[in-house]
Amino acid sequence: MANTTNHGSSIKNSDTYEALREDGASKEKAARIANAQANDSQKPSVKGGKASPYENWTKDELYERAQELKIDGRSGMTKGELIEALRSS
C-alpha cells in the first residue's frame, strides 16, 4: 500500500480501503467494504442472496426475470439458455 493515510474514524480498516482504491473501487464502495470487514456482526464474504438456484426455477419464472432485465431473444430461449443469459447479464 503506497499510501497509508489516516482516513479518520469513518474508515475502520484502512489497509483494505487503500487496496480497494488502488484496484479502482470508488471511495464509497471501498469504505463500505472496508467497514463491513472490520465489523464482526457483518459477514461480507458470506453469500447474501436468498433466491434458490436458477435450476430450481420454472421456465416461466426464468422468462419473467429475463423480461425484467430486458434480455434480448428471451422468447426463443430454452430453460438452459435463459439460465445462461441471466447469469451473464
C-alpha atoms as a PDB file:
ATOM      1  CA  MET A   1       0.000   0.000   0.000  1.00  0.00           C
ATOM      2  CA  ALA A   2       1.618   3.123  -1.185  1.00  0.00           C
ATOM      3  CA  ASN A   3      -0.485   5.499   0.888  1.00  0.00           C
ATOM      4  CA  THR A   4      -1.353   4.690   4.485  1.00  0.00           C
ATOM      5  CA  THR A   5      -3.193   7.927   5.105  1.00  0.00           C
ATOM      6  CA  ASN A   6      -5.358   8.127   8.198  1.00  0.00           C
ATOM      7  CA  HIS A   7      -8.872   8.278   6.762  1.00  0.00           C
ATOM      8  CA  GLY A   8     -10.374   9.295  10.072  1.00  0.00           C
ATOM      9  CA  SER A   9     -12.850   7.389  12.166  1.00  0.00           C
ATOM     10  CA  SER A  10     -15.194   6.772   9.225  1.00  0.00           C
ATOM     11  CA  ILE A  11     -12.845   4.121   7.746  1.00  0.00           C
ATOM     12  CA  LYS A  12     -12.493   1.124  10.055  1.00  0.00           C
ATOM     13  CA  ASN A  13      -9.970  -0.892   8.003  1.00  0.00           C
ATOM     14  CA  SER A  14      -7.525   1.455   6.273  1.00  0.00           C
ATOM     15  CA  ASP A  15      -5.440  -1.287   4.611  1.00  0.00           C
ATOM     16  CA  THR A  16      -8.485  -2.827   2.938  1.00  0.00           C
ATOM     17  CA  TYR A  17      -9.732   0.618   1.930  1.00  0.00           C
ATOM     18  CA  GLU A  18      -6.403   1.508   0.292  1.00  0.00           C
ATOM     19  CA  ALA A  19      -6.183  -1.835  -1.526  1.00  0.00           C
ATOM     20  CA  LEU A  20      -9.683  -1.420  -2.924  1.00  0.00           C
ATOM     21  CA  ARG A  21      -8.973   2.159  -4.019  1.00  0.00           C
ATOM     22  CA  GLU A  22      -5.775   1.024  -5.782  1.00  0.00           C
ATOM     23  CA  ASP A  23      -7.862  -1.609  -7.594  1.00  0.00           C
ATOM     24  CA  GLY A  24     -10.177   1.126  -8.850  1.00  0.00           C
ATOM     25  CA  ALA A  25     -13.069   0.961  -6.380  1.00  0.00           C
ATOM     26  CA  SER A  26     -14.881   4.215  -5.677  1.00  0.00           C
ATOM     27  CA  LYS A  27     -14.353   5.874  -2.304  1.00  0.00           C
ATOM     28  CA  GLU A  28     -17.869   4.913  -1.257  1.00  0.00           C
ATOM     29  CA  LYS A  29     -17.534   1.262  -2.286  1.00  0.00           C
ATOM     30  CA  ALA A  30     -14.091   0.919  -0.695  1.00  0.00           C
ATOM     31  CA  ALA A  31     -15.350   2.447   2.559  1.00  0.00           C
ATOM     32  CA  ARG A  32     -18.439   0.222   2.609  1.00  0.00           C
ATOM     33  CA  ILE A  33     -16.406  -2.971   2.108  1.00  0.00           C
ATOM     34  CA  ALA A  34     -13.600  -1.988   4.479  1.00  0.00           C
ATOM     35  CA  ASN A  35     -16.047  -1.098   7.226  1.00  0.00           C
ATOM     36  CA  ALA A  36     -18.072  -4.287   6.732  1.00  0.00           C
ATOM     37  CA  GLN A  37     -14.938  -6.411   7.020  1.00  0.00           C
ATOM     38  CA  ALA A  38     -13.972  -4.616  10.242  1.00  0.00           C
ATOM     39  CA  ASN A  39     -17.421  -5.228  11.771  1.00  0.00           C
ATOM     40  CA  ASP A  40     -17.756  -8.668  13.387  1.00  0.00           C
ATOM     41  CA  SER A  41     -21.550  -8.584  13.126  1.00  0.00           C
ATOM     42  CA  GLN A  42     -21.394  -8.326   9.324  1.00  0.00           C
ATOM     43  CA  LYS A  43     -20.265 -11.146   7.093  1.00  0.00           C
ATOM     44  CA  PRO A  44     -19.209  -9.540   3.778  1.00  0.00           C
ATOM     45  CA  SER A  45     -17.750 -12.803   2.494  1.00  0.00           C
ATOM     46  CA  VAL A  46     -20.975 -14.751   3.056  1.00  0.00           C
ATOM     47  CA  LYS A  47     -23.362 -15.015   0.131  1.00  0.00           C
ATOM     48  CA  GLY A  48     -26.352 -12.836   0.877  1.00  0.00           C
ATOM     49  CA  GLY A  49     -28.917 -13.991  -1.680  1.00  0.00           C
ATOM     50  CA  LYS A  50     -31.949 -15.933  -0.548  1.00  0.00           C
ATOM     51  CA  ALA A  51     -33.155 -16.942  -4.006  1.00  0.00           C
ATOM     52  CA  SER A  52     -32.911 -20.576  -4.984  1.00  0.00           C
ATOM     53  CA  PRO A  53     -30.566 -21.552  -7.841  1.00  0.00           C
ATOM     54  CA  TYR A  54     -31.903 -20.844 -11.318  1.00  0.00           C
ATOM     55  CA  GLU A  55     -32.013 -24.595 -11.986  1.00  0.00           C
ATOM     56  CA  ASN A  56     -34.858 -24.812  -9.433  1.00  0.00           C
ATOM     57  CA  TRP A  57     -36.903 -22.090 -11.179  1.00  0.00           C
ATOM     58  CA  THR A  58     -39.561 -22.888 -13.760  1.00  0.00           C
ATOM     59  CA  LYS A  59     -39.048 -21.751 -17.331  1.00  0.00           C
ATOM     60  CA  ASP A  60     -41.856 -19.204 -16.831  1.00  0.00           C
ATOM     61  CA  GLU A  61     -40.101 -17.762 -13.754  1.00  0.00           C
ATOM     62  CA  LEU A  62     -36.827 -17.545 -15.675  1.00  0.00           C
ATOM     63  CA  TYR A  63     -38.602 -15.862 -18.576  1.00  0.00           C
ATOM     64  CA  GLU A  64     -40.189 -13.287 -16.245  1.00  0.00           C
ATOM     65  CA  ARG A  65     -36.797 -12.485 -14.735  1.00  0.00           C
ATOM     66  CA  ALA A  66     -35.255 -12.192 -18.209  1.00  0.00           C
ATOM     67  CA  GLN A  67     -38.108  -9.856 -19.125  1.00  0.00           C
ATOM     68  CA  GLU A  68     -37.368  -7.683 -16.060  1.00  0.00           C
ATOM     69  CA  LEU A  69     -33.730  -7.467 -17.149  1.00  0.00           C
ATOM     70  CA  LYS A  70     -34.740  -6.793 -20.776  1.00  0.00           C
ATOM     71  CA  ILE A  71     -32.687  -9.709 -22.160  1.00  0.00           C
ATOM     72  CA  ASP A  72     -32.993  -9.785 -25.940  1.00  0.00           C
ATOM     73  CA  GLY A  73     -34.131 -13.005 -27.618  1.00  0.00           C
ATOM     74  CA  ARG A  74     -35.638 -14.449 -24.451  1.00  0.00           C
ATOM     75  CA  SER A  75     -38.846 -15.643 -26.121  1.00  0.00           C
ATOM     76  CA  GLY A  76     -36.982 -18.224 -28.210  1.00  0.00           C
ATOM     77  CA  MET A  77     -34.661 -19.451 -25.461  1.00  0.00           C
ATOM     78  CA  THR A  78     -34.708 -22.833 -23.776  1.00  0.00           C
ATOM     79  CA  LYS A  79     -34.578 -23.072 -19.983  1.00  0.00           C
ATOM     80  CA  GLY A  80     -30.818 -23.656 -20.144  1.00  0.00           C
ATOM     81  CA  GLU A  81     -30.304 -20.684 -22.429  1.00  0.00           C
ATOM     82  CA  LEU A  82     -32.376 -18.463 -20.123  1.00  0.00           C
ATOM     83  CA  ILE A  83     -30.230 -19.541 -17.165  1.00  0.00           C
ATOM     84  CA  GLU A  84     -27.040 -18.785 -19.107  1.00  0.00           C
ATOM     85  CA  ALA A  85     -28.372 -15.389 -20.229  1.00  0.00           C
ATOM     86  CA  LEU A  86     -29.443 -14.453 -16.690  1.00  0.00           C
ATOM     87  CA  ARG A  87     -26.080 -15.411 -15.252  1.00  0.00           C
ATOM     88  CA  SER A  88     -24.187 -13.385 -17.822  1.00  0.00           C
ATOM     89  CA  SER A  89     -26.373 -10.283 -17.514  1.00  0.00           C
END
